[in-house]
Amino acid sequence: MHIDLPEKRYYGIGEVAEAFKVNTSLIRFWEKEFDVIKPKKNAKGNRKFTPEDIKNLELIFHLVKERGFTLEGAKTHLKEEKNKTLSNFEIIRKLESVKAELINLKNNL
């Protein structure tokens, strides 16, 4: 799944949940479970997610929802192999983007 959010400094939890097609409760749950997700909170307590938070959420989503990791497995994987996993994840996302562009070009011929 490729998350398509406009470039901003901060994203509200509703925007994030909608982009991932999940409930806001899952985003809050992952925030509690994974220490790499650290949204800022304003005076009202509303969460403001940074682009770095979004990248980490994408990685968690990939591990848990797409690859079938348990939460504990994803946590362990992130701690032990985060850089390698992140690098592989970014390569996969770029390849998916290239594939989508090529399919689009083919369909427009």
C-alpha atoms as a PDB file:
ATOM      1  CA  MET A   1       0.000   0.000   0.000  1.00  0.00           C
ATOM      2  CA  HIS A   2       1.318   3.413  -0.946  1.00  0.00           C
ATOM      3  CA  ILE A   3       0.232   6.239   1.340  1.00  0.00           C
ATOM      4  CA  ASP A   4      -0.627   9.366  -0.599  1.00  0.00           C
ATOM      5  CA  LEU A   5      -0.614  12.420   1.640  1.00  0.00           C
ATOM      6  CA  PRO A   6       0.073  16.006   0.552  1.00  0.00           C
ATOM      7  CA  GLU A   7       3.416  17.353   1.760  1.00  0.00           C
ATOM      8  CA  LYS A   8       2.843  19.068   5.080  1.00  0.00           C
ATOM      9  CA  ARG A   9       4.766  19.580   8.288  1.00  0.00           C
ATOM     10  CA  TYR A  10       2.042  17.956  10.397  1.00  0.00           C
ATOM     11  CA  TYR A  11      -0.930  15.671   9.804  1.00  0.00           C
ATOM     12  CA  GLY A  12      -3.977  15.175  11.985  1.00  0.00           C
ATOM     13  CA  ILE A  13      -4.923  11.698  13.140  1.00  0.00           C
ATOM     14  CA  GLY A  14      -8.014  11.718  10.911  1.00  0.00           C
ATOM     15  CA  GLU A  15      -5.922  12.390   7.814  1.00  0.00           C
ATOM     16  CA  VAL A  16      -3.483   9.659   8.788  1.00  0.00           C
ATOM     17  CA  ALA A  17      -6.200   7.084   9.478  1.00  0.00           C
ATOM     18  CA  GLU A  18      -7.940   7.905   6.204  1.00  0.00           C
ATOM     19  CA  ALA A  19      -4.690   7.602   4.230  1.00  0.00           C
ATOM     20  CA  PHE A  20      -4.048   4.155   5.743  1.00  0.00           C
ATOM     21  CA  LYS A  21      -7.747   3.184   5.486  1.00  0.00           C
ATOM     22  CA  VAL A  22      -7.854   2.249   9.187  1.00  0.00           C
ATOM     23  CA  ASN A  23      -9.640   3.560  12.267  1.00  0.00           C
ATOM     24  CA  THR A  24      -8.062   6.325  14.338  1.00  0.00           C
ATOM     25  CA  SER A  25      -8.093   3.893  17.278  1.00  0.00           C
ATOM     26  CA  LEU A  26      -5.555   1.687  15.460  1.00  0.00           C
ATOM     27  CA  ILE A  27      -3.248   4.669  14.933  1.00  0.00           C
ATOM     28  CA  ARG A  28      -3.505   5.548  18.646  1.00  0.00           C
ATOM     29  CA  PHE A  29      -2.866   1.889  19.559  1.00  0.00           C
ATOM     30  CA  TRP A  30       0.243   1.717  17.361  1.00  0.00           C
ATOM     31  CA  GLU A  31       1.431   4.982  18.893  1.00  0.00           C
ATOM     32  CA  LYS A  32       1.307   3.338  22.334  1.00  0.00           C
ATOM     33  CA  GLU A  33       2.890   0.091  21.132  1.00  0.00           C
ATOM     34  CA  PHE A  34       5.734   1.461  19.012  1.00  0.00           C
ATOM     35  CA  ASP A  35       8.073   4.025  20.506  1.00  0.00           C
ATOM     36  CA  VAL A  36       9.194   5.236  17.061  1.00  0.00           C
ATOM     37  CA  ILE A  37       5.835   6.994  16.654  1.00  0.00           C
ATOM     38  CA  LYS A  38       5.979  10.240  18.602  1.00  0.00           C
ATOM     39  CA  PRO A  39       3.342  12.706  17.429  1.00  0.00           C
ATOM     40  CA  LYS A  40       3.351  16.150  18.926  1.00  0.00           C
ATOM     41  CA  LYS A  41       0.229  17.190  20.804  1.00  0.00           C
ATOM     42  CA  ASN A  42      -1.236  20.668  20.821  1.00  0.00           C
ATOM     43  CA  ALA A  43      -2.860  22.381  23.808  1.00  0.00           C
ATOM     44  CA  LYS A  44      -6.120  20.503  23.165  1.00  0.00           C
ATOM     45  CA  GLY A  45      -4.280  17.179  23.088  1.00  0.00           C
ATOM     46  CA  ASN A  46      -4.758  16.672  19.351  1.00  0.00           C
ATOM     47  CA  ARG A  47      -2.033  14.587  17.780  1.00  0.00           C
ATOM     48  CA  LYS A  48       0.080  16.097  15.018  1.00  0.00           C
ATOM     49  CA  PHE A  49       2.066  13.519  13.087  1.00  0.00           C
ATOM     50  CA  THR A  50       5.274  14.487  11.295  1.00  0.00           C
ATOM     51  CA  PRO A  51       6.429  13.073   7.944  1.00  0.00           C
ATOM     52  CA  GLU A  52       8.875  10.918   9.965  1.00  0.00           C
ATOM     53  CA  ASP A  53       5.934   9.517  11.969  1.00  0.00           C
ATOM     54  CA  ILE A  54       4.143   8.744   8.684  1.00  0.00           C
ATOM     55  CA  LYS A  55       7.215   6.903   7.358  1.00  0.00           C
ATOM     56  CA  ASN A  56       7.363   4.832  10.563  1.00  0.00           C
ATOM     57  CA  LEU A  57       3.625   4.122  10.383  1.00  0.00           C
ATOM     58  CA  GLU A  58       4.059   2.972   6.777  1.00  0.00           C
ATOM     59  CA  LEU A  59       6.797   0.615   7.862  1.00  0.00           C
ATOM     60  CA  ILE A  60       4.694  -0.755  10.741  1.00  0.00           C
ATOM     61  CA  PHE A  61       1.695  -1.123   8.428  1.00  0.00           C
ATOM     62  CA  HIS A  62       3.883  -3.002   5.930  1.00  0.00           C
ATOM     63  CA  LEU A  63       5.231  -5.380   8.574  1.00  0.00           C
ATOM     64  CA  VAL A  64       1.938  -6.031  10.379  1.00  0.00           C
ATOM     65  CA  LYS A  65      -0.723  -5.795   7.673  1.00  0.00           C
ATOM     66  CA  GLU A  66       1.145  -6.779   4.519  1.00  0.00           C
ATOM     67  CA  ARG A  67       3.777  -9.222   5.782  1.00  0.00           C
ATOM     68  CA  GLY A  68       1.726 -10.673   8.661  1.00  0.00           C
ATOM     69  CA  PHE A  69       4.094  -9.912  11.542  1.00  0.00           C
ATOM     70  CA  THR A  70       2.732 -10.019  15.077  1.00  0.00           C
ATOM     71  CA  LEU A  71       3.125  -6.785  17.038  1.00  0.00           C
ATOM     72  CA  GLU A  72       5.951  -8.313  19.055  1.00  0.00           C
ATOM     73  CA  GLY A  73       7.589  -9.605  15.899  1.00  0.00           C
ATOM     74  CA  ALA A  74       7.350  -6.178  14.271  1.00  0.00           C
ATOM     75  CA  LYS A  75       8.811  -4.503  17.378  1.00  0.00           C
ATOM     76  CA  THR A  76      11.717  -6.932  17.457  1.00  0.00           C
ATOM     77  CA  HIS A  77      12.288  -6.593  13.731  1.00  0.00           C
ATOM     78  CA  LEU A  78      12.314  -2.803  13.979  1.00  0.00           C
ATOM     79  CA  LYS A  79      14.763  -2.812  16.886  1.00  0.00           C
ATOM     80  CA  GLU A  80      17.158  -5.323  15.392  1.00  0.00           C
ATOM     81  CA  GLU A  81      16.999  -4.523  11.695  1.00  0.00           C
ATOM     82  CA  LYS A  82      15.350  -1.110  11.301  1.00  0.00           C
ATOM     83  CA  ASN A  83      17.883   0.360   8.861  1.00  0.00           C
ATOM     84  CA  LYS A  84      17.912  -2.735   6.655  1.00  0.00           C
ATOM     85  CA  THR A  85      14.118  -3.052   6.786  1.00  0.00           C
ATOM     86  CA  LEU A  86      13.639   0.644   6.055  1.00  0.00           C
ATOM     87  CA  SER A  87      16.026   0.483   3.110  1.00  0.00           C
ATOM     88  CA  ASN A  88      14.272  -2.584   1.663  1.00  0.00           C
ATOM     89  CA  PHE A  89      10.866  -1.008   2.297  1.00  0.00           C
ATOM     90  CA  GLU A  90      11.849   2.194   0.469  1.00  0.00           C
ATOM     91  CA  ILE A  91      13.191   0.186  -2.475  1.00  0.00           C
ATOM     92  CA  ILE A  92       9.934  -1.800  -2.665  1.00  0.00           C
ATOM     93  CA  ARG A  93       7.860   1.404  -2.578  1.00  0.00           C
ATOM     94  CA  LYS A  94       9.942   3.000  -5.344  1.00  0.00           C
ATOM     95  CA  LEU A  95       9.625  -0.123  -7.494  1.00  0.00           C
ATOM     96  CA  GLU A  96       5.850  -0.168  -6.919  1.00  0.00           C
ATOM     97  CA  SER A  97       5.703   3.465  -8.001  1.00  0.00           C
ATOM     98  CA  VAL A  98       7.715   2.752 -11.164  1.00  0.00           C
ATOM     99  CA  LYS A  99       5.485  -0.253 -11.911  1.00  0.00           C
ATOM    100  CA  ALA A 100       2.344   1.873 -11.519  1.00  0.00           C
ATOM    101  CA  GLU A 101       3.780   4.509 -13.873  1.00  0.00           C
ATOM    102  CA  LEU A 102       4.679   1.875 -16.468  1.00  0.00           C
ATOM    103  CA  ILE A 103       1.208   0.342 -16.276  1.00  0.00           C
ATOM    104  CA  ASN A 104      -0.294   3.806 -16.655  1.00  0.00           C
ATOM    105  CA  LEU A 105       1.876   4.473 -19.725  1.00  0.00           C
ATOM    106  CA  LYS A 106       0.943   1.101 -21.223  1.00  0.00           C
ATOM    107  CA  ASN A 107      -2.769   1.748 -20.693  1.00  0.00           C
ATOM    108  CA  ASN A 108      -2.489   5.126 -22.400  1.00  0.00           C
ATOM    109  CA  LEU A 109      -0.846   3.764 -25.575  1.00  0.00           C
END
